[in-house]
Amino acid sequence: MNELDIYMHSLGREYRAFNPNRAKEIYKKLLPNLPKIPKTIQIIGTNGKGSSGRFLSLALMQNNYKILHFTSPHIFSFNERFYKNGRTISDLEILEAHKFLQYFDFIKEASYFEYATFLALVLSNDVDFLILEAGVGGEFDSTSAIKRDLCLFSLIDFDHEEMLGDTIEKIATTKLNAMVNPSIIGIQKHRSIKDIAKKIAYKKNISDLFFVDSINNDILLYLQKYHLASFLGENLALSLKALEVLCINYDLTSLPNLDLIGRFQKIKENIIIDVGHNQSAAKALKDNLKDKKIILVYNSYFQKNIVEILDILRDNILKVEIIDIKDNDRIINKNDLIAILKRLDIKYSDFKGIDNNEKYLVFGSFSVIEKFLLSLKDNINMEICSEKY
């Protein structure tokens, strides 16, 4: 572990006890010490934030803009959260940013995620665009403390109900309350979200509110070209709308493939991995699997609606293989997971390895993907395969 790893570990959980003003106060003190703040684009939502931000990053780089894309969480290395001009930030660069922040006593108040947000600010002092992916929240997220030039909202759905509320109206309201002028609302499954967005925009005197309602044929051709999952088209459409609002041209025919691990990614002929972890992600997977049967390599955080998630995928599941995740107190007790599988009448066993004659979907959380990839690191090609599943 390097100096930064030790410091981040000392901060504990990703989200410390809630304080809506902490990030704002730290940002206010830090701002005069930053040489430059680039044009900042925030992405808020339940699903699709990471791929929306990466598509936008690729298109901006296509136009010779310098970018920093801040995303979370990571799979292997904390550095993965900081994608700068087409590559993950180096240890040297991130350690220099860490040392800069440590000059200020007030930074010690920051939580894990808040500190990561401020690292992104420091690392972006020589780019044209900073693309900030929000964490769990919206209006009280640390990324919302930063002055933003554009706000994008990807799919808003149920997740983190214990923090955001138990209805889609509550969840959408706390996220949409972060909107700025201009803001773009991506394709949504819940019809009420558009009305909530309009009401909040009116209340905040936001005149430039845009909606994405569909994907066009050019996007479909791009998805076909790289054999990407259909749900990624919605996130690409949101990113392209952002470019239009920014008056920046794009060329989908030459846009590179998505270079983000674990978005319905085929890593071997018989293995797909996906970092999704909620009901909405499960529905998207089901839509893409259609009637295919798979072995589901799975585990989950206990806060998730595991019964509903597995029920959504049940018709596609031949068997669940439970992958063991150690040293994580958020992972559901194994006996509780087995009880759910029995209730749903889903066959199960422990995950012990891959049978090349079977097809697998690895799903449940970033922790699941990390554990799975580490277990197979000697015989997995991390390049996205070029053939359909």
Foldseek 3Di string as FASTA:
>chain_A
DDPVVVVLVVLPDQDDPDDLCLLLVVCVVCVVVAPDFAAEEEEEADDLLVLLQLLLVLFVVVVVFWEWEADDDDQPDNQQRTATSHHGDDPVLLVVLVVVVVVDPSCVPDHSNSNSLSSQRNSCSPGRYYYHYFDQWACSTSVLSDDHDEYEYAEHDDDPCVPQNDDSLSRLLRRLLSGDAPYEYFAYPDPCSVVSNVVSCVVVVHDHYYYHHDADPLLVVLCVQQVAQPSSRRSSSRSVVVCVVVVHDGDSVPRDDRDDPACQFDFDPQEGGHADAALVSLLSVCVRCPQAAAEEAEWEFPRYPVLNSCVSCVNRYQAYAYEDQPPDPRTDDPVVVVVSCVVVVHHYYHDDDDDPVGHYYYYHHSSSVSSVCVVVVVPTHRDGDRDHD
